[in-house]
Amino acid sequence: MNAYTTVLLYAGWILLLALFYATPRIPQALLGQKRIDSWERGKEPIDPMFLQRAKSAHLNCLENFPVFAAVVAVAGLMGQIETISAIAVYVLYARIAQSISHILGTSFILVMLRATFFLIQVLITLYMVYLLVC
């Protein structure tokens, strides 16, 4: 798998997370159980904690995706995509693991796992930058 494919799969993961927490809202709104604007920002959350954590995992992906995508794009522009392709996929694996641990709960072990997977992503991305610059 090359780095471009990894970026596409990362984007797909972001979309799946959005569907995961948003899909349960559709029948509630269509059946009149909740107003369509019940989930607006600035309002008290009404979703179960599980879905609130899924939304947080989704938003966290959105915060981190641009940096990863930029590194891959610049590698492509430099003609160096193969330099990072072998390791780029591990950023995606760590991202998926971080998202899953985020969704599962907030126990000490899950928070530590989440932080570990985040750190792995940061370190791999920094290493990719190093490989491209040096």
N, C-alpha and C. Protein backbone atom coordinates (compact mmCIF):
# COMPACT_ATOMS: atom_id res chain seq x y z
N MET A 1 0.86 -1.18 0.00
CA MET A 1 0.00 0.00 0.00
C MET A 1 0.90 1.23 0.00
N ASN A 2 0.61 2.18 -0.88
CA ASN A 2 1.43 3.39 -0.88
C ASN A 2 0.79 4.47 -0.01
N ALA A 3 1.51 5.56 0.17
CA ALA A 3 1.07 6.63 1.06
C ALA A 3 -0.21 7.30 0.56
N TYR A 4 -0.39 7.38 -0.75
CA TYR A 4 -1.63 7.98 -1.27
C TYR A 4 -2.85 7.15 -0.87
N THR A 5 -2.73 5.85 -0.98
CA THR A 5 -3.83 4.96 -0.58
C THR A 5 -4.10 5.12 0.91
N THR A 6 -3.04 5.27 1.69
CA THR A 6 -3.20 5.46 3.13
C THR A 6 -3.99 6.73 3.42
N VAL A 7 -3.71 7.80 2.71
CA VAL A 7 -4.47 9.05 2.90
C VAL A 7 -5.95 8.81 2.58
N LEU A 8 -6.22 8.11 1.50
CA LEU A 8 -7.62 7.82 1.14
C LEU A 8 -8.31 6.97 2.21
N LEU A 9 -7.62 5.98 2.73
CA LEU A 9 -8.20 5.14 3.77
C LEU A 9 -8.42 5.92 5.06
N TYR A 10 -7.51 6.82 5.38
CA TYR A 10 -7.65 7.69 6.54
C TYR A 10 -8.92 8.54 6.37
N ALA A 11 -9.09 9.12 5.20
CA ALA A 11 -10.29 9.92 4.92
C ALA A 11 -11.54 9.06 5.04
N GLY A 12 -11.47 7.83 4.54
CA GLY A 12 -12.60 6.92 4.67
C GLY A 12 -12.92 6.61 6.12
N TRP A 13 -11.89 6.45 6.96
CA TRP A 13 -12.10 6.22 8.39
C TRP A 13 -12.82 7.40 9.03
N ILE A 14 -12.43 8.60 8.65
CA ILE A 14 -13.08 9.81 9.17
C ILE A 14 -14.57 9.79 8.82
N LEU A 15 -14.88 9.44 7.58
CA LEU A 15 -16.28 9.38 7.15
C LEU A 15 -17.05 8.29 7.88
N LEU A 16 -16.43 7.14 8.09
CA LEU A 16 -17.10 6.07 8.83
C LEU A 16 -17.41 6.49 10.27
N LEU A 17 -16.48 7.19 10.90
CA LEU A 17 -16.73 7.67 12.26
C LEU A 17 -17.90 8.66 12.28
N ALA A 18 -17.97 9.53 11.28
CA ALA A 18 -19.09 10.48 11.21
C ALA A 18 -20.41 9.73 11.08
N LEU A 19 -20.45 8.74 10.22
CA LEU A 19 -21.67 7.94 10.06
C LEU A 19 -22.01 7.18 11.33
N PHE A 20 -21.00 6.71 12.02
CA PHE A 20 -21.19 5.92 13.23
C PHE A 20 -21.97 6.71 14.29
N TYR A 21 -21.60 7.98 14.51
CA TYR A 21 -22.30 8.72 15.54
C TYR A 21 -23.52 9.49 15.01
N ALA A 22 -23.56 9.76 13.72
CA ALA A 22 -24.68 10.54 13.18
C ALA A 22 -25.86 9.68 12.74
N THR A 23 -25.61 8.47 12.28
CA THR A 23 -26.69 7.62 11.76
C THR A 23 -27.81 7.35 12.76
N PRO A 24 -27.52 7.09 14.05
CA PRO A 24 -28.62 6.87 14.99
C PRO A 24 -29.55 8.08 15.15
N ARG A 25 -29.10 9.24 14.76
CA ARG A 25 -29.91 10.45 14.89
C ARG A 25 -31.01 10.53 13.82
N ILE A 26 -30.76 9.93 12.67
CA ILE A 26 -31.70 10.06 11.54
C ILE A 26 -33.09 9.54 11.88
N PRO A 27 -33.23 8.30 12.37
CA PRO A 27 -34.59 7.83 12.70
C PRO A 27 -35.24 8.66 13.80
N GLN A 28 -34.44 9.12 14.76
CA GLN A 28 -35.00 9.94 15.84
C GLN A 28 -35.61 11.22 15.29
N ALA A 29 -34.92 11.83 14.34
CA ALA A 29 -35.43 13.07 13.75
C ALA A 29 -36.62 12.79 12.83
N LEU A 30 -36.52 11.75 12.01
CA LEU A 30 -37.60 11.43 11.07
C LEU A 30 -38.89 11.00 11.77
N LEU A 31 -38.75 10.33 12.90
CA LEU A 31 -39.93 9.86 13.63
C LEU A 31 -40.45 10.90 14.62
N GLY A 32 -39.82 12.06 14.64
CA GLY A 32 -40.28 13.14 15.51
C GLY A 32 -39.92 12.94 16.97
N GLN A 33 -39.03 12.01 17.26
CA GLN A 33 -38.61 11.78 18.65
C GLN A 33 -37.68 12.89 19.14
N LYS A 34 -36.95 13.48 18.24
CA LYS A 34 -36.05 14.59 18.56
C LYS A 34 -36.15 15.61 17.43
N ARG A 35 -36.01 16.87 17.80
CA ARG A 35 -35.97 17.92 16.78
C ARG A 35 -34.66 17.77 15.99
N ILE A 36 -34.71 18.14 14.73
CA ILE A 36 -33.55 18.00 13.86
C ILE A 36 -32.38 18.86 14.35
N ASP A 37 -32.67 19.92 15.08
CA ASP A 37 -31.61 20.79 15.59
C ASP A 37 -31.22 20.44 17.04
N SER A 38 -31.61 19.27 17.50
CA SER A 38 -31.29 18.86 18.87
C SER A 38 -29.80 18.67 19.10
N TRP A 39 -29.06 18.51 18.04
CA TRP A 39 -27.64 18.20 18.16
C TRP A 39 -26.75 19.38 17.79
N GLU A 40 -27.28 20.57 17.85
CA GLU A 40 -26.50 21.74 17.48
C GLU A 40 -25.38 22.00 18.48
N ARG A 41 -24.32 22.60 18.02
CA ARG A 41 -23.22 22.97 18.90
C ARG A 41 -23.70 23.98 19.93
N GLY A 42 -23.10 23.92 21.07
CA GLY A 42 -23.45 24.86 22.13
C GLY A 42 -24.60 24.38 22.99
N LYS A 43 -25.23 23.28 22.61
CA LYS A 43 -26.31 22.71 23.40
C LYS A 43 -25.76 21.56 24.24
N GLU A 44 -26.44 21.27 25.32
CA GLU A 44 -26.07 20.14 26.16
C GLU A 44 -26.15 18.85 25.34
N PRO A 45 -25.11 18.01 25.37
CA PRO A 45 -25.15 16.76 24.60
C PRO A 45 -26.30 15.86 25.06
N ILE A 46 -27.00 15.26 24.09
CA ILE A 46 -28.11 14.37 24.42
C ILE A 46 -27.85 12.94 23.99
N ASP A 47 -26.77 12.72 23.27
CA ASP A 47 -26.41 11.37 22.83
C ASP A 47 -25.84 10.59 24.01
N PRO A 48 -25.94 9.26 23.96
CA PRO A 48 -25.26 8.44 24.96
C PRO A 48 -23.75 8.71 24.92
N MET A 49 -23.08 8.49 26.03
CA MET A 49 -21.64 8.76 26.12
C MET A 49 -20.86 8.04 25.01
N PHE A 50 -21.27 6.85 24.69
CA PHE A 50 -20.62 6.07 23.63
C PHE A 50 -20.58 6.86 22.33
N LEU A 51 -21.72 7.46 21.96
CA LEU A 51 -21.78 8.23 20.72
C LEU A 51 -21.07 9.57 20.86
N GLN A 52 -21.08 10.15 22.05
CA GLN A 52 -20.33 11.39 22.27
C GLN A 52 -18.83 11.14 22.09
N ARG A 53 -18.37 10.00 22.59
CA ARG A 53 -16.95 9.67 22.41
C ARG A 53 -16.64 9.39 20.94
N ALA A 54 -17.58 8.79 20.21
CA ALA A 54 -17.38 8.55 18.77
C ALA A 54 -17.25 9.88 18.03
N LYS A 55 -18.07 10.84 18.43
CA LYS A 55 -17.98 12.17 17.81
C LYS A 55 -16.63 12.82 18.13
N SER A 56 -16.19 12.68 19.37
CA SER A 56 -14.89 13.23 19.74
C SER A 56 -13.76 12.56 18.96
N ALA A 57 -13.86 11.25 18.76
CA ALA A 57 -12.85 10.54 17.98
C ALA A 57 -12.84 11.06 16.54
N HIS A 58 -14.03 11.31 16.00
CA HIS A 58 -14.15 11.85 14.64
C HIS A 58 -13.50 13.23 14.56
N LEU A 59 -13.82 14.09 15.51
CA LEU A 59 -13.26 15.44 15.50
C LEU A 59 -11.75 15.41 15.68
N ASN A 60 -11.26 14.49 16.50
CA ASN A 60 -9.83 14.35 16.69
C ASN A 60 -9.15 13.95 15.39
N CYS A 61 -9.78 13.08 14.62
CA CYS A 61 -9.24 12.70 13.30
C CYS A 61 -9.15 13.93 12.41
N LEU A 62 -10.20 14.75 12.44
CA LEU A 62 -10.20 15.95 11.60
C LEU A 62 -9.09 16.91 11.97
N GLU A 63 -8.74 16.96 13.26
CA GLU A 63 -7.66 17.84 13.70
C GLU A 63 -6.30 17.36 13.22
N ASN A 64 -6.12 16.06 13.13
CA ASN A 64 -4.80 15.51 12.83
C ASN A 64 -4.59 15.14 11.36
N PHE A 65 -5.65 14.94 10.64
CA PHE A 65 -5.55 14.53 9.24
C PHE A 65 -4.79 15.52 8.36
N PRO A 66 -5.03 16.83 8.47
CA PRO A 66 -4.35 17.76 7.56
C PRO A 66 -2.82 17.68 7.60
N VAL A 67 -2.26 17.49 8.77
CA VAL A 67 -0.79 17.41 8.87
C VAL A 67 -0.29 16.17 8.14
N PHE A 68 -0.92 15.04 8.40
CA PHE A 68 -0.52 13.79 7.74
C PHE A 68 -0.68 13.91 6.23
N ALA A 69 -1.83 14.41 5.79
CA ALA A 69 -2.08 14.55 4.35
C ALA A 69 -1.09 15.51 3.71
N ALA A 70 -0.72 16.57 4.42
CA ALA A 70 0.26 17.53 3.89
C ALA A 70 1.62 16.87 3.69
N VAL A 71 2.04 16.06 4.65
CA VAL A 71 3.33 15.38 4.52
C VAL A 71 3.31 14.44 3.31
N VAL A 72 2.23 13.70 3.15
CA VAL A 72 2.12 12.79 2.01
C VAL A 72 2.08 13.58 0.70
N ALA A 73 1.32 14.66 0.66
CA ALA A 73 1.23 15.47 -0.56
C ALA A 73 2.60 16.05 -0.93
N VAL A 74 3.31 16.57 0.05
CA VAL A 74 4.63 17.14 -0.23
C VAL A 74 5.60 16.05 -0.69
N ALA A 75 5.50 14.87 -0.08
CA ALA A 75 6.35 13.75 -0.54
C ALA A 75 6.08 13.46 -2.01
N GLY A 76 4.81 13.49 -2.39
CA GLY A 76 4.46 13.27 -3.79
C GLY A 76 5.01 14.35 -4.70
N LEU A 77 4.87 15.60 -4.27
CA LEU A 77 5.38 16.72 -5.06
C LEU A 77 6.91 16.67 -5.20
N MET A 78 7.56 16.14 -4.18
CA MET A 78 9.02 16.00 -4.22
C MET A 78 9.47 14.78 -5.00
N GLY A 79 8.51 13.95 -5.43
CA GLY A 79 8.87 12.71 -6.10
C GLY A 79 9.44 11.68 -5.14
N GLN A 80 9.09 11.80 -3.87
CA GLN A 80 9.65 10.94 -2.83
C GLN A 80 8.58 10.09 -2.14
N ILE A 81 7.47 9.82 -2.81
CA ILE A 81 6.38 9.10 -2.16
C ILE A 81 6.81 7.72 -1.67
N GLU A 82 7.68 7.07 -2.41
CA GLU A 82 8.14 5.73 -2.00
C GLU A 82 8.98 5.77 -0.74
N THR A 83 9.56 6.93 -0.46
CA THR A 83 10.37 7.07 0.76
C THR A 83 9.53 6.87 2.01
N ILE A 84 8.26 7.27 1.95
CA ILE A 84 7.41 7.19 3.15
C ILE A 84 6.30 6.16 3.05
N SER A 85 6.09 5.59 1.89
CA SER A 85 4.95 4.68 1.69
C SER A 85 4.94 3.50 2.65
N ALA A 86 6.10 2.93 2.92
CA ALA A 86 6.14 1.74 3.77
C ALA A 86 5.74 2.03 5.21
N ILE A 87 5.97 3.26 5.68
CA ILE A 87 5.65 3.56 7.08
C ILE A 87 4.37 4.36 7.25
N ALA A 88 3.89 4.99 6.20
CA ALA A 88 2.69 5.83 6.32
C ALA A 88 1.49 5.04 6.82
N VAL A 89 1.37 3.80 6.41
CA VAL A 89 0.23 2.99 6.80
C VAL A 89 0.16 2.80 8.32
N TYR A 90 1.31 2.85 8.99
CA TYR A 90 1.31 2.68 10.44
C TYR A 90 0.68 3.88 11.16
N VAL A 91 0.71 5.03 10.52
CA VAL A 91 -0.03 6.18 11.07
C VAL A 91 -1.52 5.87 11.06
N LEU A 92 -2.00 5.30 9.96
CA LEU A 92 -3.41 4.93 9.87
C LEU A 92 -3.76 3.86 10.90
N TYR A 93 -2.94 2.84 11.04
CA TYR A 93 -3.21 1.79 12.02
C TYR A 93 -3.30 2.38 13.44
N ALA A 94 -2.36 3.26 13.76
CA ALA A 94 -2.37 3.88 15.09
C ALA A 94 -3.59 4.78 15.26
N ARG A 95 -4.00 5.46 14.18
CA ARG A 95 -5.18 6.33 14.23
C ARG A 95 -6.43 5.50 14.50
N ILE A 96 -6.58 4.39 13.80
CA ILE A 96 -7.75 3.53 14.00
C ILE A 96 -7.76 2.99 15.43
N ALA A 97 -6.60 2.54 15.91
CA ALA A 97 -6.51 2.04 17.28
C ALA A 97 -6.84 3.14 18.29
N GLN A 98 -6.37 4.36 18.03
CA GLN A 98 -6.67 5.47 18.93
C GLN A 98 -8.17 5.74 18.94
N SER A 99 -8.79 5.75 17.77
CA SER A 99 -10.23 6.01 17.68
C SER A 99 -11.03 4.94 18.43
N ILE A 100 -10.66 3.69 18.25
CA ILE A 100 -11.38 2.61 18.91
C ILE A 100 -11.23 2.70 20.43
N SER A 101 -10.02 2.96 20.90
CA SER A 101 -9.83 3.09 22.34
C SER A 101 -10.58 4.31 22.88
N HIS A 102 -10.70 5.35 22.09
CA HIS A 102 -11.45 6.55 22.46
C HIS A 102 -12.93 6.22 22.61
N ILE A 103 -13.47 5.49 21.66
CA ILE A 103 -14.89 5.14 21.67
C ILE A 103 -15.23 4.19 22.82
N LEU A 104 -14.34 3.26 23.12
CA LEU A 104 -14.64 2.23 24.12
C LEU A 104 -14.81 2.76 25.54
N GLY A 105 -14.14 3.84 25.89
CA GLY A 105 -14.33 4.34 27.24
C GLY A 105 -13.26 5.30 27.69
N THR A 106 -13.33 5.62 28.98
CA THR A 106 -12.42 6.61 29.55
C THR A 106 -11.68 6.08 30.77
N SER A 107 -11.56 4.77 30.88
CA SER A 107 -10.80 4.20 31.99
C SER A 107 -9.33 4.61 31.83
N PHE A 108 -8.59 4.49 32.91
CA PHE A 108 -7.18 4.87 32.88
C PHE A 108 -6.43 4.16 31.75
N ILE A 109 -6.63 2.85 31.66
CA ILE A 109 -5.90 2.08 30.65
C ILE A 109 -6.28 2.51 29.23
N LEU A 110 -7.56 2.80 28.99
CA LEU A 110 -7.97 3.23 27.65
C LEU A 110 -7.43 4.62 27.32
N VAL A 111 -7.40 5.50 28.30
CA VAL A 111 -6.85 6.84 28.06
C VAL A 111 -5.34 6.73 27.78
N MET A 112 -4.65 5.87 28.52
CA MET A 112 -3.22 5.68 28.28
C MET A 112 -2.97 5.05 26.91
N LEU A 113 -3.80 4.10 26.53
CA LEU A 113 -3.68 3.51 25.18
C LEU A 113 -3.90 4.57 24.11
N ARG A 114 -4.93 5.37 24.30
CA ARG A 114 -5.24 6.43 23.34
C ARG A 114 -4.06 7.39 23.20
N ALA A 115 -3.48 7.79 24.33
CA ALA A 115 -2.33 8.69 24.30
C ALA A 115 -1.13 8.03 23.62
N THR A 116 -0.95 6.75 23.87
CA THR A 116 0.16 6.02 23.25
C THR A 116 -0.01 5.96 21.73
N PHE A 117 -1.21 5.64 21.28
CA PHE A 117 -1.46 5.58 19.83
C PHE A 117 -1.31 6.96 19.19
N PHE A 118 -1.69 8.01 19.90
CA PHE A 118 -1.50 9.37 19.38
C PHE A 118 -0.01 9.66 19.24
N LEU A 119 0.75 9.34 20.28
CA LEU A 119 2.19 9.60 20.25
C LEU A 119 2.86 8.82 19.11
N ILE A 120 2.43 7.60 18.89
CA ILE A 120 2.96 6.81 17.78
C ILE A 120 2.72 7.53 16.45
N GLN A 121 1.53 8.06 16.26
CA GLN A 121 1.22 8.79 15.02
C GLN A 121 2.12 10.00 14.84
N VAL A 122 2.28 10.75 15.92
CA VAL A 122 3.12 11.96 15.86
C VAL A 122 4.56 11.59 15.53
N LEU A 123 5.07 10.58 16.21
CA LEU A 123 6.47 10.19 15.99
C LEU A 123 6.70 9.65 14.58
N ILE A 124 5.77 8.86 14.08
CA ILE A 124 5.93 8.34 12.71
C ILE A 124 5.86 9.48 11.70
N THR A 125 4.93 10.40 11.90
CA THR A 125 4.81 11.53 10.98
C THR A 125 6.07 12.40 11.03
N LEU A 126 6.60 12.63 12.22
CA LEU A 126 7.86 13.37 12.34
C LEU A 126 9.00 12.63 11.63
N TYR A 127 9.03 11.33 11.76
CA TYR A 127 10.05 10.53 11.08
C TYR A 127 9.90 10.65 9.56
N MET A 128 8.67 10.67 9.09
CA MET A 128 8.43 10.85 7.65
C MET A 128 8.98 12.20 7.19
N VAL A 129 8.74 13.24 7.98
CA VAL A 129 9.28 14.57 7.66
C VAL A 129 10.80 14.51 7.62
N TYR A 130 11.38 13.88 8.61
CA TYR A 130 12.84 13.73 8.67
C TYR A 130 13.37 13.05 7.40
N LEU A 131 12.72 11.94 7.01
CA LEU A 131 13.16 11.22 5.82
C LEU A 131 13.09 12.09 4.56
N LEU A 132 12.10 12.95 4.51
CA LEU A 132 11.93 13.80 3.32
C LEU A 132 12.91 14.97 3.31
N VAL A 133 13.25 15.47 4.47
CA VAL A 133 14.12 16.65 4.55
C VAL A 133 15.60 16.27 4.49
N CYS A 134 15.93 15.15 5.06
CA CYS A 134 17.37 14.77 5.16
C CYS A 134 17.84 13.91 4.02
